[in-house]
Amino acid sequence: MESLVRHVEAAAEKSLFMLQAVIEGMVEAVAIADKQGHFIRANAAFLALFGFDDEEQALDRINAEPILIEPRDFLDRPLPPHEWPLTRALCGERIQAMAARMRRADYDHTFIAECTGAPIVADDGTVVLAVLTLRDITNRKCTEEALQEEAALHRLALDTAKIGTWDYDLLHDTVSGDE
């Protein structure tokens, strides 16, 4: 019996080690929260993204100050808590590629994040944890906005000059244009 207990404990330790290695190996910021919404684990990418050095101190601060990390909309207004990616995951929703401004309230640090979240459910279907991943997409969003502005200016210039554009497709030997 004692041998079986040691074997089970060793297997559990190995599984925990592998899970921690996976979480730490992720390029994306990863955080895990319990069903009350308290953060219980965050990887190094999460800590770096939000400007923390130590996981324990970061989790203590985040859990003590619920709006320390504040999701915001693109007009820079705070999202209501029921729209936060973590809250939605804890309600059983799977969030895929939700873009939001993320702000750390105790200093001026804001970035645009792509958030993904999922509930972790027990055998009976109740949500017991939520996992959240974030990726800083600020540069990508800025590039997209710049391209949209450039296209709008290009279109305005063409419309103002009352000229259009023509494209020649060499492969199909066709010409197309706008009016």
Foldseek 3Di string as FASTA:
>chain_A
DVVVVVVVVVVVVVVVVVVLCVQQPDCWWKWKAWLVRQTDDTYPNVCVLLVHDDTVVVSVVCRVPVPQKFWAAPVRHTDPPCPDQQNCQSVFDWDFQDWTWIARPVDGDIFIKGKTKHFDADPVGHGTMMMMTIDGCRVVVVVVVVVVVVVVVVVVVCVVVVHKDKDADPVVRDIDIDD
